[in-house]
Amino acid sequence: HAIEALVAAAVAARRRFGHGPREIWPRIALLTR
């Protein structure tokens, strides 16, 4: 459940801002600091 929520957040962040890491896990690392 946690992984699904983090992936959804990382995809939403990429879609909204359009910049940052292209790969999903570095985006998740940024979200979780």
Full PDB file with SEQRES, HELIX, SHEET, SSBOND, CRYST1, ORIGX, SCALE, CONECT and MASTER records, all heavy atoms in Angstrom:
SEQRES   1 A   33  HIS ALA ILE GLU ALA LEU VAL ALA ALA ALA VAL ALA ALA          
SEQRES   2 A   33  ARG ARG ARG PHE GLY HIS GLY PRO ARG GLU ILE TRP PRO          
SEQRES   3 A   33  ARG ILE ALA LEU LEU THR ARG                                  
HELIX    1 AA1 ALA A    2  PHE A   17  1                                  16    
HELIX    2 AA2 ILE A   24  LEU A   31  1                                   8    
CRYST1    1.000    1.000    1.000  90.00  90.00  90.00 P 1           1          
ORIGX1      1.000000  0.000000  0.000000        0.00000                         
ORIGX2      0.000000  1.000000  0.000000        0.00000                         
ORIGX3      0.000000  0.000000  1.000000        0.00000                         
SCALE1      1.000000  0.000000  0.000000        0.00000                         
SCALE2      0.000000  1.000000  0.000000        0.00000                         
SCALE3      0.000000  0.000000  1.000000        0.00000                         
ATOM      1  N   HIS A   1       0.836  -1.203   0.000  1.00  0.00           N  
ATOM      2  CA  HIS A   1       0.000   0.000   0.000  1.00  0.00           C  
ATOM      3  C   HIS A   1       0.877   1.261   0.000  1.00  0.00           C  
ATOM      4  O   HIS A   1       0.602   2.224  -0.714  1.00  0.00           O  
ATOM      5  CB  HIS A   1      -0.920  -0.037   1.219  1.00  0.00           C  
ATOM      6  CG  HIS A   1      -2.142   0.794   1.082  1.00  0.00           C  
ATOM      7  ND1 HIS A   1      -3.093   0.592   0.119  1.00  0.00           N  
ATOM      8  CD2 HIS A   1      -2.568   1.863   1.805  1.00  0.00           C  
ATOM      9  CE1 HIS A   1      -4.056   1.478   0.251  1.00  0.00           C  
ATOM     10  NE2 HIS A   1      -3.759   2.273   1.263  1.00  0.00           N  
ATOM     11  N   ALA A   2       1.949   1.244   0.779  1.00  0.00           N  
ATOM     12  CA  ALA A   2       2.877   2.381   0.849  1.00  0.00           C  
ATOM     13  C   ALA A   2       3.574   2.598  -0.487  1.00  0.00           C  
ATOM     14  O   ALA A   2       3.669   3.739  -0.970  1.00  0.00           O  
ATOM     15  CB  ALA A   2       3.902   2.159   1.955  1.00  0.00           C  
ATOM     16  N   ILE A   3       4.053   1.521  -1.098  1.00  0.00           N  
ATOM     17  CA  ILE A   3       4.752   1.629  -2.383  1.00  0.00           C  
ATOM     18  C   ILE A   3       3.807   2.185  -3.443  1.00  0.00           C  
ATOM     19  O   ILE A   3       4.175   3.061  -4.227  1.00  0.00           O  
ATOM     20  CB  ILE A   3       5.344   0.265  -2.817  1.00  0.00           C  
ATOM     21  CG1 ILE A   3       6.369  -0.236  -1.806  1.00  0.00           C  
ATOM     22  CG2 ILE A   3       5.931   0.341  -4.220  1.00  0.00           C  
ATOM     23  CD1 ILE A   3       7.555   0.665  -1.595  1.00  0.00           C  
ATOM     24  N   GLU A   4       2.570   1.706  -3.459  1.00  0.00           N  
ATOM     25  CA  GLU A   4       1.601   2.199  -4.433  1.00  0.00           C  
ATOM     26  C   GLU A   4       1.351   3.702  -4.251  1.00  0.00           C  
ATOM     27  O   GLU A   4       1.303   4.458  -5.220  1.00  0.00           O  
ATOM     28  CB  GLU A   4       0.288   1.433  -4.300  1.00  0.00           C  
ATOM     29  CG  GLU A   4      -0.742   1.855  -5.326  1.00  0.00           C  
ATOM     30  CD  GLU A   4      -2.046   1.103  -5.202  1.00  0.00           C  
ATOM     31  OE1 GLU A   4      -2.453   0.802  -4.065  1.00  0.00           O  
ATOM     32  OE2 GLU A   4      -2.651   0.843  -6.244  1.00  0.00           O  
ATOM     33  N   ALA A   5       1.230   4.163  -3.008  1.00  0.00           N  
ATOM     34  CA  ALA A   5       1.002   5.588  -2.749  1.00  0.00           C  
ATOM     35  C   ALA A   5       2.214   6.424  -3.146  1.00  0.00           C  
ATOM     36  O   ALA A   5       2.069   7.509  -3.722  1.00  0.00           O  
ATOM     37  CB  ALA A   5       0.663   5.797  -1.270  1.00  0.00           C  
ATOM     38  N   LEU A   6       3.421   5.925  -2.862  1.00  0.00           N  
ATOM     39  CA  LEU A   6       4.638   6.663  -3.226  1.00  0.00           C  
ATOM     40  C   LEU A   6       4.814   6.745  -4.742  1.00  0.00           C  
ATOM     41  O   LEU A   6       5.218   7.785  -5.266  1.00  0.00           O  
ATOM     42  CB  LEU A   6       5.865   6.016  -2.574  1.00  0.00           C  
ATOM     43  CG  LEU A   6       5.974   6.210  -1.058  1.00  0.00           C  
ATOM     44  CD1 LEU A   6       7.087   5.328  -0.501  1.00  0.00           C  
ATOM     45  CD2 LEU A   6       6.194   7.668  -0.705  1.00  0.00           C  
ATOM     46  N   VAL A   7       4.525   5.658  -5.434  1.00  0.00           N  
ATOM     47  CA  VAL A   7       4.627   5.671  -6.904  1.00  0.00           C  
ATOM     48  C   VAL A   7       3.613   6.656  -7.484  1.00  0.00           C  
ATOM     49  O   VAL A   7       3.941   7.440  -8.377  1.00  0.00           O  
ATOM     50  CB  VAL A   7       4.444   4.249  -7.479  1.00  0.00           C  
ATOM     51  CG1 VAL A   7       4.237   4.290  -8.983  1.00  0.00           C  
ATOM     52  CG2 VAL A   7       5.641   3.378  -7.126  1.00  0.00           C  
ATOM     53  N   ALA A   8       2.380   6.642  -6.968  1.00  0.00           N  
ATOM     54  CA  ALA A   8       1.362   7.575  -7.446  1.00  0.00           C  
ATOM     55  C   ALA A   8       1.800   9.022  -7.205  1.00  0.00           C  
ATOM     56  O   ALA A   8       1.623   9.889  -8.066  1.00  0.00           O  
ATOM     57  CB  ALA A   8       0.024   7.311  -6.757  1.00  0.00           C  
ATOM     58  N   ALA A   9       2.412   9.284  -6.054  1.00  0.00           N  
ATOM     59  CA  ALA A   9       2.885  10.640  -5.745  1.00  0.00           C  
ATOM     60  C   ALA A   9       4.022  11.053  -6.672  1.00  0.00           C  
ATOM     61  O   ALA A   9       4.063  12.194  -7.154  1.00  0.00           O  
ATOM     62  CB  ALA A   9       3.335  10.717  -4.288  1.00  0.00           C  
ATOM     63  N   ALA A  10       4.951  10.137  -6.934  1.00  0.00           N  
ATOM     64  CA  ALA A  10       6.082  10.448  -7.814  1.00  0.00           C  
ATOM     65  C   ALA A  10       5.606  10.717  -9.234  1.00  0.00           C  
ATOM     66  O   ALA A  10       6.092  11.650  -9.895  1.00  0.00           O  
ATOM     67  CB  ALA A  10       7.091   9.300  -7.791  1.00  0.00           C  
ATOM     68  N   VAL A  11       4.647   9.953  -9.710  1.00  0.00           N  
ATOM     69  CA  VAL A  11       4.091  10.167 -11.052  1.00  0.00           C  
ATOM     70  C   VAL A  11       3.347  11.504 -11.103  1.00  0.00           C  
ATOM     71  O   VAL A  11       3.488  12.277 -12.058  1.00  0.00           O  
ATOM     72  CB  VAL A  11       3.174   8.993 -11.456  1.00  0.00           C  
ATOM     73  CG1 VAL A  11       2.369   9.312 -12.706  1.00  0.00           C  
ATOM     74  CG2 VAL A  11       3.994   7.724 -11.654  1.00  0.00           C  
ATOM     75  N   ALA A  12       2.579  11.808 -10.055  1.00  0.00           N  
ATOM     76  CA  ALA A  12       1.840  13.071 -10.012  1.00  0.00           C  
ATOM     77  C   ALA A  12       2.797  14.268  -9.983  1.00  0.00           C  
ATOM     78  O   ALA A  12       2.554  15.284 -10.641  1.00  0.00           O  
ATOM     79  CB  ALA A  12       0.911  13.102  -8.801  1.00  0.00           C  
ATOM     80  N   ALA A  13       3.897  14.140  -9.246  1.00  0.00           N  
ATOM     81  CA  ALA A  13       4.885  15.228  -9.179  1.00  0.00           C  
ATOM     82  C   ALA A  13       5.525  15.454 -10.537  1.00  0.00           C  
ATOM     83  O   ALA A  13       5.692  16.594 -10.979  1.00  0.00           O  
ATOM     84  CB  ALA A  13       5.943  14.910  -8.128  1.00  0.00           C  
ATOM     85  N   ARG A  14       5.875  14.386 -11.218  1.00  0.00           N  
ATOM     86  CA  ARG A  14       6.495  14.510 -12.546  1.00  0.00           C  
ATOM     87  C   ARG A  14       5.511  15.143 -13.536  1.00  0.00           C  
ATOM     88  O   ARG A  14       5.867  16.001 -14.334  1.00  0.00           O  
ATOM     89  CB  ARG A  14       6.955  13.125 -13.025  1.00  0.00           C  
ATOM     90  CG  ARG A  14       7.571  13.132 -14.388  1.00  0.00           C  
ATOM     91  CD  ARG A  14       8.920  13.779 -14.377  1.00  0.00           C  
ATOM     92  NE  ARG A  14       9.479  13.751 -15.727  1.00  0.00           N  
ATOM     93  CZ  ARG A  14      10.560  14.353 -16.071  1.00  0.00           C  
ATOM     94  NH1 ARG A  14      11.261  14.993 -15.185  1.00  0.00           N  
ATOM     95  NH2 ARG A  14      10.987  14.300 -17.302  1.00  0.00           N  
ATOM     96  N   ARG A  15       4.263  14.709 -13.461  1.00  0.00           N  
ATOM     97  CA  ARG A  15       3.243  15.228 -14.366  1.00  0.00           C  
ATOM     98  C   ARG A  15       2.983  16.713 -14.090  1.00  0.00           C  
ATOM     99  O   ARG A  15       2.834  17.505 -15.012  1.00  0.00           O  
ATOM    100  CB  ARG A  15       1.944  14.432 -14.172  1.00  0.00           C  
ATOM    101  CG  ARG A  15       0.961  14.587 -15.292  1.00  0.00           C  
ATOM    102  CD  ARG A  15      -0.282  13.732 -15.139  1.00  0.00           C  
ATOM    103  NE  ARG A  15       0.033  12.358 -14.802  1.00  0.00           N  
ATOM    104  CZ  ARG A  15      -0.611  11.653 -13.858  1.00  0.00           C  
ATOM    105  NH1 ARG A  15      -1.581  12.183 -13.162  1.00  0.00           N  
ATOM    106  NH2 ARG A  15      -0.280  10.413 -13.617  1.00  0.00           N  
ATOM    107  N   ARG A  16       2.965  17.079 -12.827  1.00  0.00           N  
ATOM    108  CA  ARG A  16       2.647  18.465 -12.454  1.00  0.00           C  
ATOM    109  C   ARG A  16       3.790  19.429 -12.735  1.00  0.00           C  
ATOM    110  O   ARG A  16       3.581  20.525 -13.236  1.00  0.00           O  
ATOM    111  CB  ARG A  16       2.287  18.509 -10.970  1.00  0.00           C  
ATOM    112  CG  ARG A  16       2.073  19.885 -10.409  1.00  0.00           C  
ATOM    113  CD  ARG A  16       0.608  20.125 -10.141  1.00  0.00           C  
ATOM    114  NE  ARG A  16       0.361  21.422  -9.579  1.00  0.00           N  
ATOM    115  CZ  ARG A  16      -0.099  21.623  -8.362  1.00  0.00           C  
ATOM    116  NH1 ARG A  16      -0.344  20.601  -7.581  1.00  0.00           N  
ATOM    117  NH2 ARG A  16      -0.339  22.831  -7.947  1.00  0.00           N  
ATOM    118  N   PHE A  17       5.014  19.033 -12.376  1.00  0.00           N  
ATOM    119  CA  PHE A  17       6.134  19.961 -12.484  1.00  0.00           C  
ATOM    120  C   PHE A  17       6.973  19.751 -13.741  1.00  0.00           C  
ATOM    121  O   PHE A  17       7.644  20.675 -14.182  1.00  0.00           O  
ATOM    122  CB  PHE A  17       7.030  19.871 -11.244  1.00  0.00           C  
ATOM    123  CG  PHE A  17       6.281  20.182  -9.981  1.00  0.00           C  
ATOM    124  CD1 PHE A  17       6.119  19.224  -9.004  1.00  0.00           C  
ATOM    125  CD2 PHE A  17       5.727  21.430  -9.787  1.00  0.00           C  
ATOM    126  CE1 PHE A  17       5.420  19.508  -7.842  1.00  0.00           C  
ATOM    127  CE2 PHE A  17       5.030  21.731  -8.627  1.00  0.00           C  
ATOM    128  CZ  PHE A  17       4.874  20.759  -7.654  1.00  0.00           C  
ATOM    129  N   GLY A  18       6.985  18.531 -14.273  1.00  0.00           N  
ATOM    130  CA  GLY A  18       7.667  18.269 -15.530  1.00  0.00           C  
ATOM    131  C   GLY A  18       9.182  18.285 -15.484  1.00  0.00           C  
ATOM    132  O   GLY A  18       9.830  18.232 -16.508  1.00  0.00           O  
ATOM    133  N   HIS A  19       9.777  18.390 -14.313  1.00  0.00           N  
ATOM    134  CA  HIS A  19      11.242  18.353 -14.221  1.00  0.00           C  
ATOM    135  C   HIS A  19      11.634  17.509 -13.014  1.00  0.00           C  
ATOM    136  O   HIS A  19      10.799  17.000 -12.302  1.00  0.00           O  
ATOM    137  CB  HIS A  19      11.833  19.774 -14.114  1.00  0.00           C  
ATOM    138  CG  HIS A  19      11.331  20.548 -12.939  1.00  0.00           C  
ATOM    139  ND1 HIS A  19      11.825  20.388 -11.680  1.00  0.00           N  
ATOM    140  CD2 HIS A  19      10.355  21.480 -12.846  1.00  0.00           C  
ATOM    141  CE1 HIS A  19      11.197  21.197 -10.845  1.00  0.00           C  
ATOM    142  NE2 HIS A  19      10.286  21.859 -11.542  1.00  0.00           N  
ATOM    143  N   GLY A  20      12.916  17.360 -12.822  1.00  0.00           N  
ATOM    144  CA  GLY A  20      13.408  16.496 -11.756  1.00  0.00           C  
ATOM    145  C   GLY A  20      13.834  15.168 -12.346  1.00  0.00           C  
ATOM    146  O   GLY A  20      13.868  14.984 -13.567  1.00  0.00           O  
ATOM    147  N   PRO A  21      14.163  14.220 -11.495  1.00  0.00           N  
ATOM    148  CA  PRO A  21      14.632  12.918 -11.991  1.00  0.00           C  
ATOM    149  C   PRO A  21      13.572  12.227 -12.844  1.00  0.00           C  
ATOM    150  O   PRO A  21      12.389  12.284 -12.545  1.00  0.00           O  
ATOM    151  CB  PRO A  21      14.896  12.110 -10.716  1.00  0.00           C  
ATOM    152  CG  PRO A  21      14.915  13.090  -9.607  1.00  0.00           C  
ATOM    153  CD  PRO A  21      14.131  14.272 -10.041  1.00  0.00           C  
ATOM    154  N   ARG A  22      14.006  11.582 -13.920  1.00  0.00           N  
ATOM    155  CA  ARG A  22      13.082  10.854 -14.786  1.00  0.00           C  
ATOM    156  C   ARG A  22      12.682   9.512 -14.180  1.00  0.00           C  
ATOM    157  O   ARG A  22      11.568   9.065 -14.369  1.00  0.00           O  
ATOM    158  CB  ARG A  22      13.709  10.624 -16.153  1.00  0.00           C  
ATOM    159  CG  ARG A  22      13.887  11.880 -16.944  1.00  0.00           C  
ATOM    160  CD  ARG A  22      14.099  11.564 -18.424  1.00  0.00           C  
ATOM    161  NE  ARG A  22      14.352  12.767 -19.181  1.00  0.00           N  
ATOM    162  CZ  ARG A  22      13.421  13.643 -19.528  1.00  0.00           C  
ATOM    163  NH1 ARG A  22      12.186  13.454 -19.173  1.00  0.00           N  
ATOM    164  NH2 ARG A  22      13.733  14.705 -20.220  1.00  0.00           N  
ATOM    165  N   GLU A  23      13.599   8.878 -13.472  1.00  0.00           N  
ATOM    166  CA  GLU A  23      13.320   7.564 -12.897  1.00  0.00           C  
ATOM    167  C   GLU A  23      12.430   7.720 -11.668  1.00  0.00           C  
ATOM    168  O   GLU A  23      12.490   8.708 -10.945  1.00  0.00           O  
ATOM    169  CB  GLU A  23      14.620   6.845 -12.505  1.00  0.00           C  
ATOM    170  CG  GLU A  23      15.534   6.554 -13.675  1.00  0.00           C  
ATOM    171  CD  GLU A  23      16.404   7.750 -14.037  1.00  0.00           C  
ATOM    172  OE1 GLU A  23      16.601   8.636 -13.173  1.00  0.00           O  
ATOM    173  OE2 GLU A  23      16.869   7.815 -15.180  1.00  0.00           O  
ATOM    174  N   ILE A  24      11.627   6.694 -11.415  1.00  0.00           N  
ATOM    175  CA  ILE A  24      10.632   6.762 -10.344  1.00  0.00           C  
ATOM    176  C   ILE A  24      11.261   6.732  -8.952  1.00  0.00           C  
ATOM    177  O   ILE A  24      10.842   7.471  -8.064  1.00  0.00           O  
ATOM    178  CB  ILE A  24       9.579   5.631 -10.517  1.00  0.00           C  
ATOM    179  CG1 ILE A  24       8.343   5.933  -9.680  1.00  0.00           C  
ATOM    180  CG2 ILE A  24      10.109   4.289 -10.120  1.00  0.00           C  
ATOM    181  CD1 ILE A  24       7.312   6.660 -10.427  1.00  0.00           C  
ATOM    182  N   TRP A  25      12.276   5.891  -8.726  1.00  0.00           N  
ATOM    183  CA  TRP A  25      12.822   5.748  -7.373  1.00  0.00           C  
ATOM    184  C   TRP A  25      13.578   6.982  -6.890  1.00  0.00           C  
ATOM    185  O   TRP A  25      13.434   7.358  -5.719  1.00  0.00           O  
ATOM    186  CB  TRP A  25      13.630   4.460  -7.247  1.00  0.00           C  
ATOM    187  CG  TRP A  25      12.699   3.289  -7.236  1.00  0.00           C  
ATOM    188  CD1 TRP A  25      12.457   2.422  -8.256  1.00  0.00           C  
ATOM    189  CD2 TRP A  25      11.809   2.919  -6.175  1.00  0.00           C  
ATOM    190  NE1 TRP A  25      11.479   1.528  -7.891  1.00  0.00           N  
ATOM    191  CE2 TRP A  25      11.065   1.804  -6.623  1.00  0.00           C  
ATOM    192  CE3 TRP A  25      11.561   3.415  -4.905  1.00  0.00           C  
ATOM    193  CZ2 TRP A  25      10.106   1.186  -5.821  1.00  0.00           C  
ATOM    194  CZ3 TRP A  25      10.607   2.794  -4.118  1.00  0.00           C  
ATOM    195  CH2 TRP A  25       9.893   1.693  -4.582  1.00  0.00           C  
ATOM    196  N   PRO A  26      14.347   7.668  -7.719  1.00  0.00           N  
ATOM    197  CA  PRO A  26      14.918   8.932  -7.231  1.00  0.00           C  
ATOM    198  C   PRO A  26      13.851   9.974  -6.883  1.00  0.00           C  
ATOM    199  O   PRO A  26      14.007  10.734  -5.934  1.00  0.00           O  
ATOM    200  CB  PRO A  26      15.798   9.400  -8.394  1.00  0.00           C  
ATOM    201  CG  PRO A  26      16.213   8.131  -9.061  1.00  0.00           C  
ATOM    202  CD  PRO A  26      14.989   7.246  -8.963  1.00  0.00           C  
ATOM    203  N   ARG A  27      12.740   9.992  -7.634  1.00  0.00           N  
ATOM    204  CA  ARG A  27      11.650  10.907  -7.279  1.00  0.00           C  
ATOM    205  C   ARG A  27      11.055  10.535  -5.931  1.00  0.00           C  
ATOM    206  O   ARG A  27      10.731  11.398  -5.120  1.00  0.00           O  
ATOM    207  CB  ARG A  27      10.563  10.900  -8.362  1.00  0.00           C  
ATOM    208  CG  ARG A  27      10.934  11.785  -9.523  1.00  0.00           C  
ATOM    209  CD  ARG A  27       9.817  11.915 -10.516  1.00  0.00           C  
ATOM    210  NE  ARG A  27      10.003  10.859 -11.499  1.00  0.00           N  
ATOM    211  CZ  ARG A  27       9.033  10.225 -12.131  1.00  0.00           C  
ATOM    212  NH1 ARG A  27       7.794  10.534 -11.901  1.00  0.00           N  
ATOM    213  NH2 ARG A  27       9.305   9.288 -13.005  1.00  0.00           N  
ATOM    214  N   ILE A  28      10.914   9.229  -5.685  1.00  0.00           N  
ATOM    215  CA  ILE A  28      10.401   8.775  -4.388  1.00  0.00           C  
ATOM    216  C   ILE A  28      11.384   9.131  -3.274  1.00  0.00           C  
ATOM    217  O   ILE A  28      10.984   9.542  -2.183  1.00  0.00           O  
ATOM    218  CB  ILE A  28      10.098   7.259  -4.427  1.00  0.00           C  
ATOM    219  CG1 ILE A  28       8.866   7.011  -5.310  1.00  0.00           C  
ATOM    220  CG2 ILE A  28       9.892   6.707  -3.025  1.00  0.00           C  
ATOM    221  CD1 ILE A  28       8.565   5.561  -5.593  1.00  0.00           C  
ATOM    222  N   ALA A  29      12.669   9.016  -3.558  1.00  0.00           N  
ATOM    223  CA  ALA A  29      13.675   9.393  -2.550  1.00  0.00           C  
ATOM    224  C   ALA A  29      13.554  10.874  -2.196  1.00  0.00           C  
ATOM    225  O   ALA A  29      13.704  11.255  -1.029  1.00  0.00           O  
ATOM    226  CB  ALA A  29      15.082   9.079  -3.054  1.00  0.00           C  
ATOM    227  N   LEU A  30      13.263  11.723  -3.182  1.00  0.00           N  
ATOM    228  CA  LEU A  30      13.065  13.140  -2.901  1.00  0.00           C  
ATOM    229  C   LEU A  30      11.815  13.365  -2.054  1.00  0.00           C  
ATOM    230  O   LEU A  30      11.828  14.158  -1.110  1.00  0.00           O  
ATOM    231  CB  LEU A  30      12.965  13.944  -4.200  1.00  0.00           C  
ATOM    232  CG  LEU A  30      14.262  14.132  -4.974  1.00  0.00           C  
ATOM    233  CD1 LEU A  30      13.990  14.797  -6.320  1.00  0.00           C  
ATOM    234  CD2 LEU A  30      15.264  14.941  -4.176  1.00  0.00           C  
ATOM    235  N   LEU A  31      10.733  12.658  -2.384  1.00  0.00           N  
ATOM    236  CA  LEU A  31       9.490  12.801  -1.616  1.00  0.00           C  
ATOM    237  C   LEU A  31       9.674  12.390  -0.153  1.00  0.00           C  
ATOM    238  O   LEU A  31       9.128  13.011   0.744  1.00  0.00           O  
ATOM    239  CB  LEU A  31       8.378  11.947  -2.231  1.00  0.00           C  
ATOM    240  CG  LEU A  31       7.707  12.482  -3.477  1.00  0.00           C  
ATOM    241  CD1 LEU A  31       6.826  11.417  -4.109  1.00  0.00           C  
ATOM    242  CD2 LEU A  31       6.884  13.717  -3.147  1.00  0.00           C  
ATOM    243  N   THR A  32      10.443  11.336   0.064  1.00  0.00           N  
ATOM    244  CA  THR A  32      10.643  10.822   1.424  1.00  0.00           C  
ATOM    245  C   THR A  32      11.859  11.442   2.102  1.00  0.00           C  
ATOM    246  O   THR A  32      12.209  11.051   3.208  1.00  0.00           O  
ATOM    247  CB  THR A  32      10.796   9.291   1.415  1.00  0.00           C  
ATOM    248  OG1 THR A  32      11.944   8.936   0.649  1.00  0.00           O  
ATOM    249  CG2 THR A  32       9.556   8.614   0.869  1.00  0.00           C  
ATOM    250  N   ARG A  33      12.511  12.376   1.398  1.00  0.00           N  
ATOM    251  CA  ARG A  33      13.724  13.030   1.902  1.00  0.00           C  
ATOM    252  C   ARG A  33      14.822  12.027   2.232  1.00  0.00           C  
ATOM    253  O   ARG A  33      15.530  12.157   3.222  1.00  0.00           O  
ATOM    254  CB  ARG A  33      13.408  13.909   3.106  1.00  0.00           C  
ATOM    255  CG  ARG A  33      12.492  15.042   2.756  1.00  0.00           C  
ATOM    256  CD  ARG A  33      12.260  15.938   3.903  1.00  0.00           C  
ATOM    257  NE  ARG A  33      11.419  17.040   3.455  1.00  0.00           N  
ATOM    258  CZ  ARG A  33      11.106  18.046   4.207  1.00  0.00           C  
ATOM    259  NH1 ARG A  33      11.568  18.117   5.430  1.00  0.00           N  
ATOM    260  NH2 ARG A  33      10.346  18.995   3.743  1.00  0.00           N  
TER     261      ARG A  33                                                      
MASTER        0    0    0    2    0    0    0    6  260    1    0    3          
END                                                                             
